[in-house]
Amino acid sequence: MSVHRSREERDLDVSLFNDLYCQHHQVLYAYLLGRCSNRDVAADLLQETCLRLWRHIQELRIIPEERRRYWLFAVARNVANDYHRRRGVRERHEAAQPDRDLADGAGDSTSRLEQAESATAVDVAMQRLPEDLRTVMTLRFLAEMTSEEIGQALGRPAGTVRYQIAKARRRLAQELHLVQGITSEESATA
């Protein structure tokens, strides 16, 4: 009888794990990408987060459903902190390079090259943002979370998140030369 019970528990564990993964993996990936600014590293950190989820799946059964997302974010935050302790700051500044498969000759290669260069410029500009701004931007635009959801996940007021998103947008626009950064000294002399 205990074997049957054990199998039922395993089935429940697998079902809960699959449900949590399906519901939260994209948001967690976006969060981790914001923390490390490297797609491959973010995927590895997501895998580590999922391993920790599996190791603690029985504990998650007793956590109320509405609190499970925050538990997952706490685990992802710890995984990211562990990564930064192990790897140091230099990996945070690696440039992410998009694939540039221009050898097949299909389509307008000049247009594709310009798009690839633009994507690279955005990736580099995102990496130059401070981690807190980069994190809220990736959660907002990759995970499509609202400022309230981001605030709850990160333990910040929604107003602070909205301010950080606006600040990050301004910095990216200036970095990408989409707007002119006029300082107060320059506007006084104009």
Protein backbone atom coordinates (compact mmCIF):
# COMPACT_ATOMS: atom_id res chain seq x y z
CA MET A 1 0.00 0.00 0.00
CA SER A 2 2.86 2.43 0.75
CA VAL A 3 4.28 1.85 -2.76
CA HIS A 4 0.96 2.90 -4.27
CA ARG A 5 0.85 6.00 -2.06
CA SER A 6 4.42 6.85 -3.02
CA ARG A 7 3.53 6.61 -6.70
CA GLU A 8 0.53 8.89 -6.17
CA GLU A 9 2.75 11.42 -4.40
CA ARG A 10 5.27 11.28 -7.25
CA ASP A 11 2.49 11.82 -9.75
CA LEU A 12 1.25 14.82 -7.75
CA ASP A 13 4.80 16.17 -7.56
CA VAL A 14 5.33 15.83 -11.30
CA SER A 15 1.98 17.46 -12.03
CA LEU A 16 2.70 20.39 -9.68
CA PHE A 17 6.19 20.83 -11.11
CA ASN A 18 4.87 20.84 -14.69
CA ASP A 19 2.13 23.33 -13.80
CA LEU A 20 4.55 25.69 -12.04
CA TYR A 21 7.07 25.45 -14.85
CA CYS A 22 4.47 26.17 -17.54
CA GLN A 23 3.04 29.12 -15.61
CA HIS A 24 6.30 30.79 -14.58
CA HIS A 25 9.30 29.79 -16.71
CA GLN A 26 9.06 32.76 -19.11
CA VAL A 27 8.79 35.30 -16.30
CA LEU A 28 11.63 33.69 -14.38
CA TYR A 29 13.79 33.63 -17.52
CA ALA A 30 13.15 37.33 -18.11
CA TYR A 31 14.03 38.10 -14.50
CA LEU A 32 17.24 36.07 -14.69
CA LEU A 33 18.16 37.65 -18.02
CA GLY A 34 17.77 41.03 -16.38
CA ARG A 35 20.04 39.94 -13.56
CA CYS A 36 22.83 38.54 -15.73
CA SER A 37 22.35 40.12 -19.22
CA ASN A 38 23.41 36.94 -21.03
CA ARG A 39 20.86 34.64 -22.65
CA ASP A 40 22.86 31.45 -22.20
CA VAL A 41 23.64 32.19 -18.56
CA ALA A 42 19.98 33.09 -17.92
CA ALA A 43 18.93 29.73 -19.39
CA ASP A 44 21.43 27.95 -17.12
CA LEU A 45 20.19 29.88 -14.09
CA LEU A 46 16.60 29.01 -14.99
CA GLN A 47 17.60 25.37 -15.09
CA GLU A 48 19.17 25.67 -11.64
CA THR A 49 16.03 27.40 -10.37
CA CYS A 50 13.94 24.51 -11.71
CA LEU A 51 16.23 21.98 -10.07
CA ARG A 52 15.73 23.72 -6.74
CA LEU A 53 12.00 23.81 -7.40
CA TRP A 54 12.02 20.05 -7.93
CA ARG A 55 14.09 19.44 -4.78
CA HIS A 56 11.52 21.41 -2.74
CA ILE A 57 8.37 20.37 -4.58
CA GLN A 58 6.85 18.73 -1.50
CA GLU A 59 7.24 22.00 0.44
CA LEU A 60 5.48 23.86 -2.36
CA ARG A 61 2.39 21.68 -1.95
CA ILE A 62 1.67 23.39 1.38
CA ILE A 63 2.42 26.93 0.16
CA PRO A 64 -0.79 28.69 -0.92
CA GLU A 65 -1.06 28.92 -4.70
CA GLU A 66 -0.98 32.74 -4.72
CA ARG A 67 2.37 32.74 -2.85
CA ARG A 68 4.16 30.19 -5.04
CA ARG A 69 5.25 32.78 -7.63
CA TYR A 70 7.00 34.80 -4.94
CA TRP A 71 8.69 31.68 -3.60
CA LEU A 72 9.98 30.99 -7.13
CA PHE A 73 11.28 34.55 -7.44
CA ALA A 74 13.09 34.21 -4.12
CA VAL A 75 14.74 31.03 -5.39
CA ALA A 76 15.65 32.70 -8.71
CA ARG A 77 17.09 35.69 -6.81
CA ASN A 78 19.23 33.35 -4.70
CA VAL A 79 20.40 31.47 -7.79
CA ALA A 80 21.37 34.75 -9.47
CA ASN A 81 23.17 35.95 -6.34
CA ASP A 82 25.08 32.67 -6.17
CA TYR A 83 26.06 33.08 -9.82
CA HIS A 84 27.39 36.59 -9.27
CA ARG A 85 29.37 35.49 -6.24
CA ARG A 86 30.94 32.63 -8.22
CA ARG A 87 31.59 34.40 -11.49
CA GLY A 88 32.23 37.96 -10.46
CA VAL A 89 31.30 41.19 -12.13
CA ARG A 90 33.13 40.72 -15.44
CA GLU A 91 30.61 38.22 -16.85
CA ARG A 92 27.83 40.76 -16.35
CA HIS A 93 29.45 42.86 -19.07
CA GLU A 94 29.79 40.24 -21.80
CA ALA A 95 28.26 41.38 -25.05
CA ALA A 96 25.40 39.25 -26.27
CA GLN A 97 25.76 38.66 -30.00
CA PRO A 98 22.72 37.78 -32.08
CA ASP A 99 23.10 35.08 -34.72
CA ARG A 100 24.18 36.59 -38.02
CA ASP A 101 23.40 33.96 -40.60
CA LEU A 102 23.88 36.01 -43.74
CA ALA A 103 25.51 33.25 -45.79
CA ASP A 104 22.32 31.78 -47.24
CA GLY A 105 21.70 34.82 -49.46
CA ALA A 106 17.93 34.78 -48.88
CA GLY A 107 16.34 38.21 -48.56
CA ASP A 108 18.04 41.58 -48.45
CA SER A 109 21.39 41.01 -46.75
CA THR A 110 21.94 44.75 -46.17
CA SER A 111 18.62 45.03 -44.33
CA ARG A 112 19.35 41.92 -42.24
CA LEU A 113 22.81 43.23 -41.39
CA GLU A 114 21.31 46.55 -40.25
CA GLN A 115 18.74 44.71 -38.12
CA ALA A 116 21.45 42.54 -36.56
CA GLU A 117 23.56 45.61 -35.81
CA SER A 118 20.55 47.34 -34.25
CA ALA A 119 19.81 44.30 -32.10
CA THR A 120 23.43 44.17 -31.00
CA ALA A 121 23.36 47.88 -30.14
CA VAL A 122 20.23 47.37 -28.02
CA ASP A 123 21.78 44.35 -26.27
CA VAL A 124 24.95 46.30 -25.49
CA ALA A 125 22.93 49.30 -24.28
CA MET A 126 20.84 47.03 -22.04
CA GLN A 127 24.00 45.52 -20.56
CA ARG A 128 25.23 48.99 -19.65
CA LEU A 129 22.15 49.66 -17.56
CA PRO A 130 22.50 49.11 -13.83
CA GLU A 131 21.18 45.71 -12.80
CA ASP A 132 18.03 47.06 -11.12
CA LEU A 133 16.99 48.99 -14.25
CA ARG A 134 17.89 46.13 -16.57
CA THR A 135 15.86 43.73 -14.44
CA VAL A 136 12.66 45.80 -14.47
CA MET A 137 13.00 46.33 -18.24
CA THR A 138 13.34 42.64 -19.00
CA LEU A 139 10.44 41.76 -16.71
CA ARG A 140 8.28 44.46 -18.32
CA PHE A 141 9.05 43.78 -21.97
CA LEU A 142 10.17 40.15 -22.16
CA ALA A 143 7.91 38.72 -19.47
CA GLU A 144 5.17 41.30 -20.18
CA MET A 145 4.56 41.86 -16.47
CA THR A 146 2.78 44.95 -15.17
CA SER A 147 4.53 47.35 -12.81
CA GLU A 148 2.37 46.00 -9.99
CA GLU A 149 3.43 42.41 -10.73
CA ILE A 150 7.08 43.42 -10.98
CA GLY A 151 6.82 45.33 -7.74
CA GLN A 152 5.32 42.33 -5.96
CA ALA A 153 7.97 39.99 -7.36
CA LEU A 154 10.87 42.28 -6.44
CA GLY A 155 9.45 43.69 -3.21
CA ARG A 156 9.26 47.25 -4.54
CA PRO A 157 6.37 49.70 -4.78
CA ALA A 158 4.73 49.78 -8.23
CA GLY A 159 5.46 53.52 -8.46
CA THR A 160 9.17 52.84 -7.99
CA VAL A 161 9.04 50.22 -10.74
CA ARG A 162 7.31 52.69 -13.12
CA TYR A 163 9.98 55.29 -12.33
CA GLN A 164 12.76 52.76 -12.96
CA ILE A 165 11.22 51.72 -16.29
CA ALA A 166 10.97 55.35 -17.40
CA LYS A 167 14.55 56.01 -16.29
CA ALA A 168 15.80 52.91 -18.13
CA ARG A 169 13.94 53.96 -21.30
CA ARG A 170 15.51 57.42 -21.19
CA ARG A 171 18.98 55.97 -20.71
CA LEU A 172 18.51 53.50 -23.55
CA ALA A 173 17.19 56.20 -25.86
CA GLN A 174 20.16 58.42 -25.09
CA GLU A 175 22.61 55.55 -25.49
CA LEU A 176 21.09 54.61 -28.84
CA HIS A 177 21.03 58.28 -29.89
CA LEU A 178 17.26 58.22 -30.36
CA VAL A 179 16.91 61.46 -28.41
CA GLN A 180 19.34 64.21 -27.74
CA GLY A 181 20.47 64.37 -24.15
CA ILE A 182 20.28 68.08 -23.41
CA THR A 183 21.67 68.97 -20.04
CA SER A 184 20.42 71.92 -18.04
CA GLU A 185 23.64 73.80 -18.89
CA GLU A 186 23.09 73.27 -22.61
CA SER A 187 19.45 74.38 -22.45
CA ALA A 188 20.45 77.52 -20.56
CA THR A 189 22.86 78.54 -23.32
CA ALA A 190 20.42 77.70 -26.13
